[in-house]
Amino acid sequence: MKIFFAAVLMTALACGCGQKMNCPEFEPVDGDNVTLDVSVPLSSGTKVTDVAGEATVNSLQVFVFRKDGILEAEARDDANTLSLSCTTGPKDVYAVANAPRITGINTLNSLKSKVSALSENSPTSFVMSGVKDVTLSGPTSVEIEVKRLVARVCIRKITNNFTLEQYRTGVVKIKGIYLLNVQSSFQYLGDLPALTWTNLHSFNSNAIPDLLYSGVMNTALNYGTPYETSNYFYCYPNPTADDTSDAGTGARFTRLVVELDINGKSYYYPVSIPGIERNKSYEITELKITRLGAASPDEPVSSLTATFTLKVLDWEPGTTLDPTI
């Protein structure tokens, strides 16, 4: 998929400061005007998906910066094409897809400071970004690879594998599946999370449900009959490397939580996912339930309670991890 656009030359950048010393210095731009055609194909990692809509581009915004970091051209449209022109010389071209219009940009640093909220995403419109270094000496066509800001967390299979007969024959239901301890803001250029938490320590069914919650399920989980419908969830990167144990606002691993109703009482089976990165897929291929779970969704369970296999993919073939809880 390609989206072609160019950028409108900003011949003057005005500053509303009261004193010149408080304003950025905008040097006059020399050079001929040339057409810059930019195609934005989805990266190989972004293309690989088994969920409809994950690779959809609904809008594009492009920023063209001179090498001194000053904005030269910018445009956005909900259509797939934009027409613009730039001056000759070296440029840094940034593309942002599926985001609200980003305003107040006059330097590269100001764009780098802009933060995306997780709520800007939907299952058919994920925020993406990419950059290309180009040198313009005449009419030029370039491609920019864009990648999603979100990571994907998926659970493929849940198995009732209770060791005790009383629970094998009991009434077991999947009440719901959701993400806990979610980073919900991230820089558009994909450098750092903004340390804004959603569902920290506890679950809120109203917190971005399209991305973080399966909805109420109440699905029977009988012994010998696994639940094999894949469920997908999306969050911003969480680089937390060490899980804290305090009940305050300390950094936590993002967790996928399966909540079961067992004979009328809720039990929780959280799967911790350390070091979540953008545009990667974290897949729990099977969660085997062997004993009663935790009393809290943020409370780790032992390997005697549940086991799982976690695969980490770059939304394309990647490495595999096999942790046990």
C-alpha atoms as a PDB file:
ATOM      1  CA  MET A   1       0.000   0.000   0.000  1.00  0.00           C
ATOM      2  CA  LYS A   2       1.371   3.424  -0.927  1.00  0.00           C
ATOM      3  CA  ILE A   3       0.212   6.884  -0.100  1.00  0.00           C
ATOM      4  CA  PHE A   4       1.658   9.695  -2.136  1.00  0.00           C
ATOM      5  CA  PHE A   5       2.000  13.205  -0.906  1.00  0.00           C
ATOM      6  CA  ALA A   6       4.271  16.225  -1.053  1.00  0.00           C
ATOM      7  CA  ALA A   7       4.657  19.234   1.219  1.00  0.00           C
ATOM      8  CA  VAL A   8       3.751  23.038   0.840  1.00  0.00           C
ATOM      9  CA  LEU A   9       6.794  25.302   1.219  1.00  0.00           C
ATOM     10  CA  MET A  10       6.542  27.610   4.204  1.00  0.00           C
ATOM     11  CA  THR A  11       8.357  30.670   2.870  1.00  0.00           C
ATOM     12  CA  ALA A  12       8.239  32.443   6.211  1.00  0.00           C
ATOM     13  CA  LEU A  13       7.870  31.180   9.744  1.00  0.00           C
ATOM     14  CA  ALA A  14       6.568  33.880  12.024  1.00  0.00           C
ATOM     15  CA  CYS A  15       6.917  33.995  15.800  1.00  0.00           C
ATOM     16  CA  GLY A  16       4.458  35.682  18.130  1.00  0.00           C
ATOM     17  CA  CYS A  17       7.036  36.425  20.844  1.00  0.00           C
ATOM     18  CA  GLY A  18       7.220  39.924  22.223  1.00  0.00           C
ATOM     19  CA  GLN A  19      11.016  40.051  21.981  1.00  0.00           C
ATOM     20  CA  LYS A  20      13.157  38.665  19.184  1.00  0.00           C
ATOM     21  CA  MET A  21      15.615  37.115  21.657  1.00  0.00           C
ATOM     22  CA  ASN A  22      12.880  34.752  22.844  1.00  0.00           C
ATOM     23  CA  CYS A  23      12.054  33.478  19.348  1.00  0.00           C
ATOM     24  CA  PRO A  24      13.730  30.747  17.253  1.00  0.00           C
ATOM     25  CA  GLU A  25      16.096  32.051  14.586  1.00  0.00           C
ATOM     26  CA  PHE A  26      14.706  31.220  11.128  1.00  0.00           C
ATOM     27  CA  GLU A  27      17.376  31.601   8.465  1.00  0.00           C
ATOM     28  CA  PRO A  28      16.202  32.446   4.937  1.00  0.00           C
ATOM     29  CA  VAL A  29      15.958  29.365   2.704  1.00  0.00           C
ATOM     30  CA  ASP A  30      17.957  29.359  -0.537  1.00  0.00           C
ATOM     31  CA  GLY A  31      17.511  26.880  -3.361  1.00  0.00           C
ATOM     32  CA  ASP A  32      15.100  26.003  -6.117  1.00  0.00           C
ATOM     33  CA  ASN A  33      11.626  24.717  -5.479  1.00  0.00           C
ATOM     34  CA  VAL A  34      11.270  21.023  -6.300  1.00  0.00           C
ATOM     35  CA  THR A  35       8.515  18.441  -5.989  1.00  0.00           C
ATOM     36  CA  LEU A  36       8.910  15.808  -3.303  1.00  0.00           C
ATOM     37  CA  ASP A  37       6.708  12.724  -3.760  1.00  0.00           C
ATOM     38  CA  VAL A  38       6.663  10.510  -0.696  1.00  0.00           C
ATOM     39  CA  SER A  39       5.243   6.999  -0.628  1.00  0.00           C
ATOM     40  CA  VAL A  40       4.520   5.398   2.726  1.00  0.00           C
ATOM     41  CA  PRO A  41       4.371   1.617   2.305  1.00  0.00           C
ATOM     42  CA  LEU A  42       3.688  -0.399   5.414  1.00  0.00           C
ATOM     43  CA  SER A  43       6.810  -2.049   6.781  1.00  0.00           C
ATOM     44  CA  SER A  44       7.184  -5.807   6.495  1.00  0.00           C
ATOM     45  CA  GLY A  45       6.558  -6.024  10.239  1.00  0.00           C
ATOM     46  CA  THR A  46       3.417  -3.930   9.983  1.00  0.00           C
ATOM     47  CA  LYS A  47       2.040  -5.979   7.082  1.00  0.00           C
ATOM     48  CA  VAL A  48       2.155  -9.308   8.893  1.00  0.00           C
ATOM     49  CA  THR A  49      -1.190  -9.559  10.668  1.00  0.00           C
ATOM     50  CA  ASP A  50      -4.033 -12.008  11.074  1.00  0.00           C
ATOM     51  CA  VAL A  51      -6.499  -9.346  12.239  1.00  0.00           C
ATOM     52  CA  ALA A  52      -8.431  -7.221   9.750  1.00  0.00           C
ATOM     53  CA  GLY A  53      -7.783  -3.484  10.057  1.00  0.00           C
ATOM     54  CA  GLU A  54      -4.444  -3.598  11.880  1.00  0.00           C
ATOM     55  CA  ALA A  55      -2.637  -2.250   8.796  1.00  0.00           C
ATOM     56  CA  THR A  56      -5.223   0.351   7.739  1.00  0.00           C
ATOM     57  CA  VAL A  57      -4.093   3.941   7.055  1.00  0.00           C
ATOM     58  CA  ASN A  58      -6.905   6.477   7.372  1.00  0.00           C
ATOM     59  CA  SER A  59      -4.952   9.743   7.514  1.00  0.00           C
ATOM     60  CA  LEU A  60      -1.423  11.053   6.989  1.00  0.00           C
ATOM     61  CA  GLN A  61       0.578  14.012   8.259  1.00  0.00           C
ATOM     62  CA  VAL A  62       4.060  14.801   7.005  1.00  0.00           C
ATOM     63  CA  PHE A  63       6.720  17.164   8.349  1.00  0.00           C
ATOM     64  CA  VAL A  64       9.780  18.215   6.316  1.00  0.00           C
ATOM     65  CA  PHE A  65      12.685  19.641   8.341  1.00  0.00           C
ATOM     66  CA  ARG A  66      15.891  21.300   7.237  1.00  0.00           C
ATOM     67  CA  LYS A  67      19.093  19.900   8.739  1.00  0.00           C
ATOM     68  CA  ASP A  68      19.157  22.759  11.253  1.00  0.00           C
ATOM     69  CA  GLY A  69      15.914  21.344  12.683  1.00  0.00           C
ATOM     70  CA  ILE A  70      13.659  24.091  11.349  1.00  0.00           C
ATOM     71  CA  LEU A  71      10.329  23.104   9.810  1.00  0.00           C
ATOM     72  CA  GLU A  72      10.142  23.805   6.097  1.00  0.00           C
ATOM     73  CA  ALA A  73       6.815  22.198   5.125  1.00  0.00           C
ATOM     74  CA  GLU A  74       3.877  20.356   6.725  1.00  0.00           C
ATOM     75  CA  ALA A  75       0.504  19.024   5.644  1.00  0.00           C
ATOM     76  CA  ARG A  76      -2.232  16.610   6.758  1.00  0.00           C
ATOM     77  CA  ASP A  77      -5.335  15.171   5.153  1.00  0.00           C
ATOM     78  CA  ASP A  78      -7.802  12.386   5.735  1.00  0.00           C
ATOM     79  CA  ALA A  79      -7.338  11.489   2.079  1.00  0.00           C
ATOM     80  CA  ASN A  80      -4.459   9.378   0.763  1.00  0.00           C
ATOM     81  CA  THR A  81      -2.746  12.132  -1.257  1.00  0.00           C
ATOM     82  CA  LEU A  82      -1.226  15.528  -0.573  1.00  0.00           C
ATOM     83  CA  SER A  83       0.478  17.959  -3.017  1.00  0.00           C
ATOM     84  CA  LEU A  84       3.396  20.131  -1.879  1.00  0.00           C
ATOM     85  CA  SER A  85       6.830  21.429  -2.779  1.00  0.00           C
ATOM     86  CA  CYS A  86      10.169  21.864  -0.992  1.00  0.00           C
ATOM     87  CA  THR A  87      13.501  23.531  -1.649  1.00  0.00           C
ATOM     88  CA  THR A  88      16.625  21.685  -2.718  1.00  0.00           C
ATOM     89  CA  GLY A  89      19.081  20.392  -0.129  1.00  0.00           C
ATOM     90  CA  PRO A  90      19.215  17.781   2.667  1.00  0.00           C
ATOM     91  CA  LYS A  91      15.952  17.159   4.574  1.00  0.00           C
ATOM     92  CA  ASP A  92      14.521  14.954   7.300  1.00  0.00           C
ATOM     93  CA  VAL A  93      11.007  13.817   6.396  1.00  0.00           C
ATOM     94  CA  TYR A  94       8.702  12.483   9.144  1.00  0.00           C
ATOM     95  CA  ALA A  95       5.372  10.756   8.549  1.00  0.00           C
ATOM     96  CA  VAL A  96       2.663  10.174  11.157  1.00  0.00           C
ATOM     97  CA  ALA A  97      -0.394   8.080  10.258  1.00  0.00           C
ATOM     98  CA  ASN A  98      -3.828   7.839  11.907  1.00  0.00           C
ATOM     99  CA  ALA A  99      -3.191  10.555  14.505  1.00  0.00           C
ATOM    100  CA  PRO A 100      -5.150  13.745  15.213  1.00  0.00           C
ATOM    101  CA  ARG A 101      -3.605  16.805  13.595  1.00  0.00           C
ATOM    102  CA  ILE A 102      -0.374  17.638  15.434  1.00  0.00           C
ATOM    103  CA  THR A 103      -0.119  21.423  15.828  1.00  0.00           C
ATOM    104  CA  GLY A 104       2.363  23.946  17.195  1.00  0.00           C
ATOM    105  CA  ILE A 105       5.331  22.468  15.302  1.00  0.00           C
ATOM    106  CA  ASN A 106       8.108  24.744  14.068  1.00  0.00           C
ATOM    107  CA  THR A 107      11.195  22.703  14.952  1.00  0.00           C
ATOM    108  CA  LEU A 108      12.135  19.047  15.053  1.00  0.00           C
ATOM    109  CA  ASN A 109      12.494  19.243  18.827  1.00  0.00           C
ATOM    110  CA  SER A 110       8.918  20.469  19.162  1.00  0.00           C
ATOM    111  CA  LEU A 111       7.697  17.443  17.187  1.00  0.00           C
ATOM    112  CA  LYS A 112       9.806  15.092  19.314  1.00  0.00           C
ATOM    113  CA  SER A 113       8.133  16.462  22.435  1.00  0.00           C
ATOM    114  CA  LYS A 114       4.612  15.640  21.228  1.00  0.00           C
ATOM    115  CA  VAL A 115       2.916  12.702  22.958  1.00  0.00           C
ATOM    116  CA  SER A 116       0.211  10.379  21.661  1.00  0.00           C
ATOM    117  CA  ALA A 117      -2.568   9.056  23.904  1.00  0.00           C
ATOM    118  CA  LEU A 118      -3.448   5.369  23.609  1.00  0.00           C
ATOM    119  CA  SER A 119      -7.080   6.424  23.142  1.00  0.00           C
ATOM    120  CA  GLU A 120      -6.128   7.849  19.711  1.00  0.00           C
ATOM    121  CA  ASN A 121      -5.901   4.239  18.493  1.00  0.00           C
ATOM    122  CA  SER A 122      -8.646   1.836  17.486  1.00  0.00           C
ATOM    123  CA  PRO A 123      -8.555  -1.743  16.144  1.00  0.00           C
ATOM    124  CA  THR A 124      -8.880  -0.371  12.592  1.00  0.00           C
ATOM    125  CA  SER A 125      -6.762   2.769  12.982  1.00  0.00           C
ATOM    126  CA  PHE A 126      -3.428   2.456  14.800  1.00  0.00           C
ATOM    127  CA  VAL A 127      -1.075   5.442  15.097  1.00  0.00           C
ATOM    128  CA  MET A 128       2.132   4.857  13.093  1.00  0.00           C
ATOM    129  CA  SER A 129       5.268   6.881  12.435  1.00  0.00           C
ATOM    130  CA  GLY A 130       8.483   6.797  10.418  1.00  0.00           C
ATOM    131  CA  VAL A 131      11.316   8.991   9.107  1.00  0.00           C
ATOM    132  CA  LYS A 132      13.510   9.269   6.014  1.00  0.00           C
ATOM    133  CA  ASP A 133      16.718  11.260   5.414  1.00  0.00           C
ATOM    134  CA  VAL A 134      16.721  12.652   1.850  1.00  0.00           C
ATOM    135  CA  THR A 135      18.737  15.097  -0.253  1.00  0.00           C
ATOM    136  CA  LEU A 136      16.729  17.004  -2.848  1.00  0.00           C
ATOM    137  CA  SER A 137      18.462  18.179  -6.019  1.00  0.00           C
ATOM    138  CA  GLY A 138      15.442  17.904  -8.303  1.00  0.00           C
ATOM    139  CA  PRO A 139      12.024  16.277  -8.359  1.00  0.00           C
ATOM    140  CA  THR A 140      12.367  13.324  -5.985  1.00  0.00           C
ATOM    141  CA  SER A 141      10.371  10.276  -4.927  1.00  0.00           C
ATOM    142  CA  VAL A 142      11.137   8.524  -1.640  1.00  0.00           C
ATOM    143  CA  GLU A 143       9.605   5.823   0.534  1.00  0.00           C
ATOM    144  CA  ILE A 144       9.183   6.079   4.308  1.00  0.00           C
ATOM    145  CA  GLU A 145       8.637   2.953   6.399  1.00  0.00           C
ATOM    146  CA  VAL A 146       6.058   3.473   9.136  1.00  0.00           C
ATOM    147  CA  LYS A 147       5.450   1.267  12.155  1.00  0.00           C
ATOM    148  CA  ARG A 148       2.714   1.161  14.779  1.00  0.00           C
ATOM    149  CA  LEU A 149       3.315   2.772  18.160  1.00  0.00           C
ATOM    150  CA  VAL A 150       1.268   0.059  19.871  1.00  0.00           C
ATOM    151  CA  ALA A 151       2.298  -3.459  20.807  1.00  0.00           C
ATOM    152  CA  ARG A 152      -0.133  -6.348  20.464  1.00  0.00           C
ATOM    153  CA  VAL A 153      -0.869  -8.904  23.195  1.00  0.00           C
ATOM    154  CA  CYS A 154      -2.718 -12.048  22.164  1.00  0.00           C
ATOM    155  CA  ILE A 155      -3.937 -15.185  23.926  1.00  0.00           C
ATOM    156  CA  ARG A 156      -4.712 -18.129  21.660  1.00  0.00           C
ATOM    157  CA  LYS A 157      -5.904 -20.904  23.962  1.00  0.00           C
ATOM    158  CA  ILE A 158      -7.080 -21.463  27.559  1.00  0.00           C
ATOM    159  CA  THR A 159      -7.237 -24.977  28.970  1.00  0.00           C
ATOM    160  CA  ASN A 160      -8.977 -26.294  32.084  1.00  0.00           C
ATOM    161  CA  ASN A 161      -6.287 -28.662  33.367  1.00  0.00           C
ATOM    162  CA  PHE A 162      -7.244 -28.781  37.066  1.00  0.00           C
ATOM    163  CA  THR A 163      -5.472 -31.483  39.028  1.00  0.00           C
ATOM    164  CA  LEU A 164      -8.277 -31.856  41.605  1.00  0.00           C
ATOM    165  CA  GLU A 165     -11.432 -33.692  40.585  1.00  0.00           C
ATOM    166  CA  GLN A 166     -13.683 -31.262  42.490  1.00  0.00           C
ATOM    167  CA  TYR A 167     -12.680 -28.443  40.132  1.00  0.00           C
ATOM    168  CA  ARG A 168     -12.610 -30.585  37.000  1.00  0.00           C
ATOM    169  CA  THR A 169     -16.302 -31.291  37.532  1.00  0.00           C
ATOM    170  CA  GLY A 170     -17.122 -27.855  38.946  1.00  0.00           C
ATOM    171  CA  VAL A 171     -18.698 -24.889  37.150  1.00  0.00           C
ATOM    172  CA  VAL A 172     -15.843 -22.925  35.547  1.00  0.00           C
ATOM    173  CA  LYS A 173     -16.421 -19.864  33.345  1.00  0.00           C
ATOM    174  CA  ILE A 174     -14.174 -17.275  31.717  1.00  0.00           C
ATOM    175  CA  LYS A 175     -15.583 -13.973  33.007  1.00  0.00           C
ATOM    176  CA  GLY A 176     -13.286 -11.804  30.905  1.00  0.00           C
ATOM    177  CA  ILE A 177      -9.742 -11.122  29.686  1.00  0.00           C
ATOM    178  CA  TYR A 178      -7.954  -7.769  29.941  1.00  0.00           C
ATOM    179  CA  LEU A 179      -4.652  -5.900  30.234  1.00  0.00           C
ATOM    180  CA  LEU A 180      -3.398  -4.490  33.536  1.00  0.00           C
ATOM    181  CA  ASN A 181      -0.655  -1.906  34.238  1.00  0.00           C
ATOM    182  CA  VAL A 182      -0.802  -0.332  30.780  1.00  0.00           C
ATOM    183  CA  GLN A 183       1.289   2.571  29.503  1.00  0.00           C
ATOM    184  CA  SER A 184      -1.283   4.834  27.839  1.00  0.00           C
ATOM    185  CA  SER A 185       0.899   7.597  26.344  1.00  0.00           C
ATOM    186  CA  PHE A 186       3.950   7.516  24.081  1.00  0.00           C
ATOM    187  CA  GLN A 187       5.944   9.936  21.947  1.00  0.00           C
ATOM    188  CA  TYR A 188       4.871  10.030  18.292  1.00  0.00           C
ATOM    189  CA  LEU A 189       8.453   9.490  17.211  1.00  0.00           C
ATOM    190  CA  GLY A 190       8.559   6.372  19.358  1.00  0.00           C
ATOM    191  CA  ASP A 191      11.340   7.117  21.818  1.00  0.00           C
ATOM    192  CA  LEU A 192       9.864   7.035  25.330  1.00  0.00           C
ATOM    193  CA  PRO A 193       6.609   6.384  27.178  1.00  0.00           C
ATOM    194  CA  ALA A 194       5.239   9.318  29.158  1.00  0.00           C
ATOM    195  CA  LEU A 195       4.626   7.214  32.296  1.00  0.00           C
ATOM    196  CA  THR A 196       0.862   7.592  32.169  1.00  0.00           C
ATOM    197  CA  TRP A 197      -0.786   4.473  33.573  1.00  0.00           C
ATOM    198  CA  THR A 198      -4.156   2.899  32.825  1.00  0.00           C
ATOM    199  CA  ASN A 199      -5.541  -0.029  34.852  1.00  0.00           C
ATOM    200  CA  LEU A 200      -2.698   0.360  37.328  1.00  0.00           C
ATOM    201  CA  HIS A 201      -2.991  -2.471  39.905  1.00  0.00           C
ATOM    202  CA  SER A 202      -6.727  -2.872  39.263  1.00  0.00           C
ATOM    203  CA  PHE A 203      -9.117  -3.225  36.327  1.00  0.00           C
ATOM    204  CA  ASN A 204     -11.552  -0.613  35.012  1.00  0.00           C
ATOM    205  CA  SER A 205     -13.897  -1.935  32.321  1.00  0.00           C
ATOM    206  CA  ASN A 206     -14.406   1.625  30.997  1.00  0.00           C
ATOM    207  CA  ALA A 207     -10.698   2.226  30.340  1.00  0.00           C
ATOM    208  CA  ILE A 208     -10.278   2.090  26.530  1.00  0.00           C
ATOM    209  CA  PRO A 209     -12.321  -1.127  26.286  1.00  0.00           C
ATOM    210  CA  ASP A 210     -11.810  -1.551  22.522  1.00  0.00           C
ATOM    211  CA  LEU A 211      -8.086  -2.069  23.151  1.00  0.00           C
ATOM    212  CA  LEU A 212      -7.762  -3.446  26.668  1.00  0.00           C
ATOM    213  CA  TYR A 213     -10.826  -5.594  27.418  1.00  0.00           C
ATOM    214  CA  SER A 214     -12.607  -8.597  25.909  1.00  0.00           C
ATOM    215  CA  GLY A 215     -15.911  -7.511  27.332  1.00  0.00           C
ATOM    216  CA  VAL A 216     -18.067  -9.706  29.576  1.00  0.00           C
ATOM    217  CA  MET A 217     -17.690 -13.299  28.382  1.00  0.00           C
ATOM    218  CA  ASN A 218     -19.123 -15.818  30.882  1.00  0.00           C
ATOM    219  CA  THR A 219     -17.837 -18.579  28.599  1.00  0.00           C
ATOM    220  CA  ALA A 220     -17.826 -22.146  29.919  1.00  0.00           C
ATOM    221  CA  LEU A 221     -14.350 -23.663  30.385  1.00  0.00           C
ATOM    222  CA  ASN A 222     -15.038 -27.368  30.812  1.00  0.00           C
ATOM    223  CA  TYR A 223     -12.354 -29.915  31.553  1.00  0.00           C
ATOM    224  CA  GLY A 224     -11.219 -31.515  28.305  1.00  0.00           C
ATOM    225  CA  THR A 225     -12.682 -28.749  26.097  1.00  0.00           C
ATOM    226  CA  PRO A 226     -10.197 -25.856  25.657  1.00  0.00           C
ATOM    227  CA  TYR A 227     -11.301 -22.334  24.774  1.00  0.00           C
ATOM    228  CA  GLU A 228      -9.556 -21.672  21.459  1.00  0.00           C
ATOM    229  CA  THR A 229     -10.787 -18.270  20.265  1.00  0.00           C
ATOM    230  CA  SER A 230      -7.909 -15.792  19.900  1.00  0.00           C
ATOM    231  CA  ASN A 231      -8.309 -12.523  21.834  1.00  0.00           C
ATOM    232  CA  TYR A 232      -6.248  -9.449  20.903  1.00  0.00           C
ATOM    233  CA  PHE A 233      -5.305  -6.433  23.029  1.00  0.00           C
ATOM    234  CA  TYR A 234      -3.181  -3.342  22.328  1.00  0.00           C
ATOM    235  CA  CYS A 235      -1.023  -1.134  24.562  1.00  0.00           C
ATOM    236  CA  TYR A 236       1.835   1.338  24.332  1.00  0.00           C
ATOM    237  CA  PRO A 237       5.398   0.179  25.096  1.00  0.00           C
ATOM    238  CA  ASN A 238       6.268  -0.457  28.721  1.00  0.00           C
ATOM    239  CA  PRO A 239      10.062  -0.721  29.238  1.00  0.00           C
ATOM    240  CA  THR A 240       9.729  -1.729  32.911  1.00  0.00           C
ATOM    241  CA  ALA A 241      12.468  -4.270  33.622  1.00  0.00           C
ATOM    242  CA  ASP A 242      11.909  -4.815  37.357  1.00  0.00           C
ATOM    243  CA  ASP A 243       8.413  -5.403  38.745  1.00  0.00           C
ATOM    244  CA  THR A 244       7.800  -3.448  41.955  1.00  0.00           C
ATOM    245  CA  SER A 245       5.877  -4.973  44.834  1.00  0.00           C
ATOM    246  CA  ASP A 246       4.542  -1.796  46.427  1.00  0.00           C
ATOM    247  CA  ALA A 247       0.875  -0.882  46.218  1.00  0.00           C
ATOM    248  CA  GLY A 248       1.568   2.689  45.143  1.00  0.00           C
ATOM    249  CA  THR A 249       2.443   4.062  41.727  1.00  0.00           C
ATOM    250  CA  GLY A 250       5.696   2.161  41.234  1.00  0.00           C
ATOM    251  CA  ALA A 251       6.490   0.757  37.791  1.00  0.00           C
ATOM    252  CA  ARG A 252       4.833  -2.554  37.016  1.00  0.00           C
ATOM    253  CA  PHE A 253       4.961  -5.151  34.283  1.00  0.00           C
ATOM    254  CA  THR A 254       2.030  -5.028  31.910  1.00  0.00           C
ATOM    255  CA  ARG A 255      -0.068  -8.158  32.509  1.00  0.00           C
ATOM    256  CA  LEU A 256      -2.640 -10.073  30.545  1.00  0.00           C
ATOM    257  CA  VAL A 257      -5.220 -11.281  33.055  1.00  0.00           C
ATOM    258  CA  VAL A 258      -7.673 -14.136  32.588  1.00  0.00           C
ATOM    259  CA  GLU A 259     -10.477 -13.869  35.163  1.00  0.00           C
ATOM    260  CA  LEU A 260     -12.349 -17.094  35.930  1.00  0.00           C
ATOM    261  CA  ASP A 261     -15.525 -17.740  37.867  1.00  0.00           C
ATOM    262  CA  ILE A 262     -15.043 -21.069  39.683  1.00  0.00           C
ATOM    263  CA  ASN A 263     -18.087 -22.323  41.538  1.00  0.00           C
ATOM    264  CA  GLY A 264     -19.342 -18.760  41.939  1.00  0.00           C
ATOM    265  CA  LYS A 265     -16.088 -17.085  43.055  1.00  0.00           C
ATOM    266  CA  SER A 266     -13.604 -15.010  41.028  1.00  0.00           C
ATOM    267  CA  TYR A 267      -9.982 -16.086  40.575  1.00  0.00           C
ATOM    268  CA  TYR A 268      -7.274 -14.340  38.533  1.00  0.00           C
ATOM    269  CA  TYR A 269      -4.506 -15.707  36.306  1.00  0.00           C
ATOM    270  CA  PRO A 270      -2.113 -12.855  35.347  1.00  0.00           C
ATOM    271  CA  VAL A 271       0.627 -13.363  32.735  1.00  0.00           C
ATOM    272  CA  SER A 272       3.434 -10.774  33.148  1.00  0.00           C
ATOM    273  CA  ILE A 273       5.025  -9.326  29.999  1.00  0.00           C
ATOM    274  CA  PRO A 274       8.271  -7.453  30.745  1.00  0.00           C
ATOM    275  CA  GLY A 275       9.885  -4.954  28.395  1.00  0.00           C
ATOM    276  CA  ILE A 276       7.048  -4.398  25.899  1.00  0.00           C
ATOM    277  CA  GLU A 277       8.202  -2.700  22.666  1.00  0.00           C
ATOM    278  CA  ARG A 278       6.304  -0.951  19.854  1.00  0.00           C
ATOM    279  CA  ASN A 279       5.082  -2.933  16.833  1.00  0.00           C
ATOM    280  CA  LYS A 280       5.811  -6.292  18.481  1.00  0.00           C
ATOM    281  CA  SER A 281       3.314  -9.064  19.131  1.00  0.00           C
ATOM    282  CA  TYR A 282       3.336 -10.955  22.429  1.00  0.00           C
ATOM    283  CA  GLU A 283       1.429 -14.216  22.064  1.00  0.00           C
ATOM    284  CA  ILE A 284       0.387 -16.588  24.847  1.00  0.00           C
ATOM    285  CA  THR A 285      -0.090 -19.729  22.812  1.00  0.00           C
ATOM    286  CA  GLU A 286      -1.768 -21.640  25.649  1.00  0.00           C
ATOM    287  CA  LEU A 287      -2.603 -20.923  29.287  1.00  0.00           C
ATOM    288  CA  LYS A 288      -3.116 -24.120  31.276  1.00  0.00           C
ATOM    289  CA  ILE A 289      -5.097 -23.689  34.512  1.00  0.00           C
ATOM    290  CA  THR A 290      -4.105 -26.307  37.126  1.00  0.00           C
ATOM    291  CA  ARG A 291      -5.227 -24.817  40.470  1.00  0.00           C
ATOM    292  CA  LEU A 292      -7.198 -21.945  41.963  1.00  0.00           C
ATOM    293  CA  GLY A 293      -5.723 -18.604  40.953  1.00  0.00           C
ATOM    294  CA  ALA A 294      -4.833 -15.399  42.785  1.00  0.00           C
ATOM    295  CA  ALA A 295      -7.245 -13.268  44.784  1.00  0.00           C
ATOM    296  CA  SER A 296      -6.108 -10.115  42.924  1.00  0.00           C
ATOM    297  CA  PRO A 297      -5.468  -9.504  39.184  1.00  0.00           C
ATOM    298  CA  ASP A 298      -2.086  -7.913  40.010  1.00  0.00           C
ATOM    299  CA  GLU A 299      -0.920 -10.761  42.251  1.00  0.00           C
ATOM    300  CA  PRO A 300       1.470 -13.257  40.618  1.00  0.00           C
ATOM    301  CA  VAL A 301       0.531 -16.933  40.727  1.00  0.00           C
ATOM    302  CA  SER A 302       2.955 -19.846  41.099  1.00  0.00           C
ATOM    303  CA  SER A 303       3.957 -22.334  38.410  1.00  0.00           C
ATOM    304  CA  LEU A 304       1.812 -24.899  40.218  1.00  0.00           C
ATOM    305  CA  THR A 305      -1.250 -22.761  39.519  1.00  0.00           C
ATOM    306  CA  ALA A 306      -0.832 -22.061  35.802  1.00  0.00           C
ATOM    307  CA  THR A 307       1.685 -22.535  32.997  1.00  0.00           C
ATOM    308  CA  PHE A 308       1.978 -20.796  29.647  1.00  0.00           C
ATOM    309  CA  THR A 309       4.178 -20.345  26.598  1.00  0.00           C
ATOM    310  CA  LEU A 310       4.931 -16.766  25.505  1.00  0.00           C
ATOM    311  CA  LYS A 311       6.087 -16.004  21.966  1.00  0.00           C
ATOM    312  CA  VAL A 312       7.551 -12.572  21.153  1.00  0.00           C
ATOM    313  CA  LEU A 313       7.258 -11.594  17.473  1.00  0.00           C
ATOM    314  CA  ASP A 314       8.129  -8.463  15.474  1.00  0.00           C
ATOM    315  CA  TRP A 315       4.703  -8.850  13.846  1.00  0.00           C
ATOM    316  CA  GLU A 316       6.865 -11.110  11.645  1.00  0.00           C
ATOM    317  CA  PRO A 317       9.065 -14.151  12.497  1.00  0.00           C
ATOM    318  CA  GLY A 318      11.032 -13.448  15.683  1.00  0.00           C
ATOM    319  CA  THR A 319      12.433 -14.983  18.840  1.00  0.00           C
ATOM    320  CA  THR A 320      10.544 -17.296  21.202  1.00  0.00           C
ATOM    321  CA  LEU A 321      10.491 -17.272  25.001  1.00  0.00           C
ATOM    322  CA  ASP A 322       9.161 -20.102  27.211  1.00  0.00           C
ATOM    323  CA  PRO A 323       8.599 -18.705  30.735  1.00  0.00           C
ATOM    324  CA  THR A 324       6.593 -20.505  33.397  1.00  0.00           C
ATOM    325  CA  ILE A 325       4.511 -19.056  36.232  1.00  0.00           C
END
